């Protein structure tokens, strides 16, 4: 199961289509706030994204709260501010290099490379335990561990096979789509990775994972710019 989450960063889907009152002027405001947050964040220090962002958020809310509330006037004031900030923060993933790079590093480090003999032996041990168990909860735990260990060892085909096994045996269990998205991202199959993350979100409605969709889109944009 995915236990780590990034707080305070929530994507609002298809703004111009789903929110009728979202105008081009408001889009400009989002870009402006995103730039202001980027400049503030770039001057900050520390590895904690939330801690580093907080003073920037406090400053922009102090100066632009009325604008934020007006932009989402169909929401309650606090919800309007939170939504505005969420959209601006989401925009930062692709528009603010220092922030987007940090988010990308965080995502890439989810399954750090571990080709050690200890990890490789652990894969064999876990595989044997999984084959022997008849207890569903135990099987789920072992499968999660097998997925992680295989991806860390960069045994990607086996990792994907274990993800598929999880999806088939435990259809509502979270984690397998997230893990397979990570593998597809490594393989630069970005559209497939995004599809997998959207499936993961549908299982648990965890909008924080939208951050990683933005990260993958950032990767895709960078790769496209390199190859053209």
Protein backbone atom coordinates (compact mmCIF):
# COMPACT_ATOMS: atom_id res chain seq x y z
CA UNK A 1 0.00 0.00 0.00
CA UNK A 2 1.20 3.50 -0.74
CA UNK A 3 1.81 5.13 2.64
CA UNK A 4 3.64 8.30 1.62
CA UNK A 5 1.73 11.27 0.31
CA UNK A 6 2.52 14.84 -0.57
CA UNK A 7 0.14 17.22 1.20
CA UNK A 8 -1.46 20.48 0.11
CA UNK A 9 -1.02 19.89 -3.63
CA UNK A 10 -4.32 19.07 -5.34
CA UNK A 11 -5.05 19.37 -9.04
CA UNK A 12 -8.37 20.78 -10.24
CA UNK A 13 -9.36 19.00 -13.46
CA UNK A 14 -9.87 20.71 -16.83
CA UNK A 15 -10.52 24.16 -15.43
CA UNK A 16 -11.68 25.96 -18.55
CA UNK A 17 -14.11 23.14 -19.37
CA UNK A 18 -15.42 22.18 -15.97
CA UNK A 19 -15.56 25.59 -14.31
CA UNK A 20 -17.61 27.94 -16.49
CA UNK A 21 -16.55 31.06 -14.57
CA UNK A 22 -12.86 30.35 -15.15
CA UNK A 23 -11.92 33.09 -17.64
CA UNK A 24 -8.78 33.95 -19.58
CA UNK A 25 -8.22 36.78 -17.12
CA UNK A 26 -8.27 34.27 -14.28
CA UNK A 27 -5.84 32.07 -16.19
CA UNK A 28 -3.47 35.03 -16.32
CA UNK A 29 -3.91 35.49 -12.59
CA UNK A 30 -3.03 31.84 -12.00
CA UNK A 31 0.12 32.26 -14.07
CA UNK A 32 1.00 35.42 -12.19
CA UNK A 33 0.55 33.81 -8.79
CA UNK A 34 2.43 30.74 -9.95
CA UNK A 35 5.34 32.98 -10.97
CA UNK A 36 5.26 34.83 -7.66
CA UNK A 37 5.27 31.54 -5.75
CA UNK A 38 8.12 30.29 -7.94
CA UNK A 39 10.26 33.34 -7.25
CA UNK A 40 9.61 33.06 -3.52
CA UNK A 41 10.21 29.30 -3.46
CA UNK A 42 13.44 29.71 -5.43
CA UNK A 43 14.80 32.01 -2.75
CA UNK A 44 13.95 29.61 0.07
CA UNK A 45 16.04 26.84 1.53
CA UNK A 46 15.40 23.33 2.80
CA UNK A 47 14.23 20.01 1.40
CA UNK A 48 10.70 20.03 2.83
CA UNK A 49 8.48 21.30 0.01
CA UNK A 50 5.58 22.23 2.27
CA UNK A 51 7.75 24.04 4.82
CA UNK A 52 9.51 25.94 2.06
CA UNK A 53 6.25 26.83 0.34
CA UNK A 54 4.35 27.95 3.42
CA UNK A 55 5.79 31.47 3.77
CA UNK A 56 5.31 31.95 0.03
CA UNK A 57 1.68 30.88 0.27
CA UNK A 58 1.13 33.12 3.31
CA UNK A 59 2.52 36.10 1.42
CA UNK A 60 0.51 35.58 -1.74
CA UNK A 61 -2.71 34.98 0.18
CA UNK A 62 -2.15 38.18 2.14
CA UNK A 63 -1.77 40.21 -1.06
CA UNK A 64 -4.23 38.41 -3.33
CA UNK A 65 -6.92 36.87 -1.17
CA UNK A 66 -9.72 39.01 -2.58
CA UNK A 67 -8.66 38.14 -6.13
CA UNK A 68 -8.64 34.44 -5.29
CA UNK A 69 -12.10 34.57 -3.79
CA UNK A 70 -13.44 36.47 -6.79
CA UNK A 71 -11.90 33.98 -9.22
CA UNK A 72 -13.86 31.13 -7.62
CA UNK A 73 -16.85 33.08 -6.39
CA UNK A 74 -19.07 29.99 -6.67
CA UNK A 75 -17.05 28.45 -3.80
CA UNK A 76 -16.98 29.40 -0.15
CA UNK A 77 -14.14 31.88 0.54
CA UNK A 78 -11.77 29.37 2.16
CA UNK A 79 -12.46 26.80 -0.58
CA UNK A 80 -11.91 29.45 -3.26
CA UNK A 81 -8.50 30.35 -1.83
CA UNK A 82 -7.51 26.69 -1.48
CA UNK A 83 -8.60 25.91 -5.05
CA UNK A 84 -6.76 28.92 -6.48
CA UNK A 85 -3.59 27.93 -4.64
CA UNK A 86 -3.93 24.32 -5.74
CA UNK A 87 -4.15 25.31 -9.39
CA UNK A 88 -1.22 27.71 -9.09
CA UNK A 89 0.86 25.09 -7.32
CA UNK A 90 0.00 22.51 -9.94
CA UNK A 91 1.09 24.96 -12.63
CA UNK A 92 4.45 25.28 -10.87
CA UNK A 93 5.32 21.67 -11.65
CA UNK A 94 5.88 22.53 -15.30
CA UNK A 95 6.48 26.29 -15.15
CA UNK A 96 8.83 26.55 -12.14
CA UNK A 97 11.97 24.53 -12.72
CA UNK A 98 13.27 24.55 -9.13
CA UNK A 99 9.91 23.38 -7.79
CA UNK A 100 9.22 20.91 -10.60
CA UNK A 101 12.70 19.44 -10.27
CA UNK A 102 12.15 18.84 -6.57
CA UNK A 103 8.85 17.11 -7.23
CA UNK A 104 10.49 14.99 -9.91
CA UNK A 105 13.35 13.98 -7.60
CA UNK A 106 10.80 13.02 -4.96
CA UNK A 107 8.94 10.83 -7.43
CA UNK A 108 12.08 9.21 -8.84
CA UNK A 109 13.27 8.34 -5.33
CA UNK A 110 10.11 6.35 -4.57
CA UNK A 111 11.80 3.12 -5.63
CA UNK A 112 15.55 3.78 -5.26
CA UNK A 113 17.85 1.43 -7.13
CA UNK A 114 18.87 -1.56 -5.01
CA UNK A 115 20.66 -4.31 -6.90
CA UNK A 116 22.33 -5.63 -3.78
CA UNK A 117 22.62 -9.35 -3.16
CA UNK A 118 20.47 -8.84 -0.07
CA UNK A 119 17.60 -7.44 -2.11
CA UNK A 120 17.94 -10.09 -4.82
CA UNK A 121 17.88 -12.83 -2.21
CA UNK A 122 14.89 -11.18 -0.56
CA UNK A 123 12.99 -11.39 -3.85
CA UNK A 124 13.48 -15.15 -3.94
CA UNK A 125 12.45 -15.50 -0.30
CA UNK A 126 9.32 -13.39 -0.82
CA UNK A 127 8.39 -15.31 -3.97
CA UNK A 128 8.58 -18.59 -2.06
CA UNK A 129 6.50 -17.20 0.80
CA UNK A 130 3.88 -15.89 -1.61
CA UNK A 131 3.60 -19.25 -3.32
CA UNK A 132 3.14 -20.98 0.02
CA UNK A 133 0.63 -18.65 1.67
CA UNK A 134 -3.12 -19.17 1.64
CA UNK A 135 -3.99 -16.12 3.75
CA UNK A 136 -5.22 -13.19 1.58
CA UNK A 137 -3.93 -10.40 3.82
CA UNK A 138 -0.52 -12.05 4.02
CA UNK A 139 -0.49 -12.54 0.26
CA UNK A 140 -1.22 -8.84 -0.27
CA UNK A 141 1.62 -7.78 2.00
CA UNK A 142 4.04 -10.12 0.28
CA UNK A 143 2.96 -8.94 -3.16
CA UNK A 144 3.51 -5.29 -2.19
CA UNK A 145 6.99 -6.21 -0.99
CA UNK A 146 7.69 -8.21 -4.15
CA UNK A 147 6.60 -5.32 -6.34
CA UNK A 148 8.83 -2.87 -4.49
CA UNK A 149 11.85 -5.17 -4.35
CA UNK A 150 11.65 -6.03 -8.05
CA UNK A 151 11.33 -2.39 -9.10
CA UNK A 152 14.24 -1.40 -6.86
CA UNK A 153 16.30 -4.18 -8.43
CA UNK A 154 15.13 -2.83 -11.81
CA UNK A 155 13.65 -6.19 -12.67
CA UNK A 156 10.94 -4.25 -14.42
CA UNK A 157 9.23 -7.07 -16.30
CA UNK A 158 8.87 -9.04 -13.08
CA UNK A 159 7.70 -5.93 -11.26
CA UNK A 160 4.98 -5.37 -13.84
CA UNK A 161 4.00 -9.03 -13.67
CA UNK A 162 3.57 -8.76 -9.90
CA UNK A 163 1.55 -5.57 -10.34
CA UNK A 164 -0.74 -7.39 -12.74
CA UNK A 165 -1.04 -10.24 -10.26
CA UNK A 166 -2.09 -7.78 -7.56
CA UNK A 167 -4.70 -6.20 -9.84
CA UNK A 168 -6.19 -9.59 -10.66
CA UNK A 169 -6.21 -11.04 -7.14
CA UNK A 170 -7.11 -7.92 -5.15
CA UNK A 171 -9.01 -5.60 -7.45
CA UNK A 172 -9.58 -2.78 -4.94
CA UNK A 173 -6.12 -2.88 -3.41
CA UNK A 174 -4.19 0.37 -3.81
CA UNK A 175 -0.58 0.49 -4.92
CA UNK A 176 -0.28 -1.74 -7.98
CA UNK A 177 -1.28 0.92 -10.50
CA UNK A 178 1.02 3.43 -8.85
CA UNK A 179 3.92 0.99 -9.05
CA UNK A 180 3.27 0.05 -12.66
CA UNK A 181 3.03 3.76 -13.53
CA UNK A 182 6.49 4.16 -12.07
CA UNK A 183 7.83 1.37 -14.29
CA UNK A 184 6.21 2.82 -17.40
CA UNK A 185 7.67 6.21 -16.50
CA UNK A 186 11.14 4.64 -16.30
CA UNK A 187 10.52 3.19 -19.75
CA UNK A 188 9.36 6.59 -21.00
CA UNK A 189 5.89 5.28 -21.80
CA UNK A 190 4.41 8.39 -20.29
CA UNK A 191 0.84 8.12 -21.60
CA UNK A 192 0.55 4.61 -20.17
CA UNK A 193 2.03 5.80 -16.88
CA UNK A 194 -0.58 8.56 -16.64
CA UNK A 195 -3.38 6.08 -17.36
CA UNK A 196 -2.10 3.87 -14.55
CA UNK A 197 -1.98 6.75 -12.08
CA UNK A 198 -5.52 7.75 -13.00
CA UNK A 199 -6.60 4.18 -12.26
CA UNK A 200 -4.84 4.42 -8.89
CA UNK A 201 -6.65 7.66 -8.10
CA UNK A 202 -9.99 6.06 -8.96
CA UNK A 203 -9.40 3.37 -6.32
CA UNK A 204 -8.77 5.72 -3.42
CA UNK A 205 -9.67 9.17 -4.73
CA UNK A 206 -6.23 10.41 -3.66
CA UNK A 207 -5.88 13.69 -5.52
CA UNK A 208 -2.34 14.11 -4.18
CA UNK A 209 -1.32 11.61 -6.85
CA UNK A 210 -2.27 14.24 -9.42
CA UNK A 211 1.08 15.81 -8.54
CA UNK A 212 2.82 12.81 -10.04
CA UNK A 213 0.75 13.03 -13.21
CA UNK A 214 2.11 16.56 -13.54
CA UNK A 215 5.63 15.24 -12.91
CA UNK A 216 5.25 12.64 -15.65
CA UNK A 217 3.95 15.29 -18.04
CA UNK A 218 7.00 17.36 -17.15
CA UNK A 219 9.22 14.39 -18.03
CA UNK A 220 7.38 13.91 -21.32
CA UNK A 221 7.77 17.57 -22.24
CA UNK A 222 11.48 17.50 -21.48
CA UNK A 223 12.05 14.33 -23.48
CA UNK A 224 10.11 15.78 -26.40
CA UNK A 225 12.26 18.92 -26.35
CA UNK A 226 15.43 16.82 -26.35
CA UNK A 227 14.39 14.66 -29.29
CA UNK A 228 13.16 17.51 -31.48
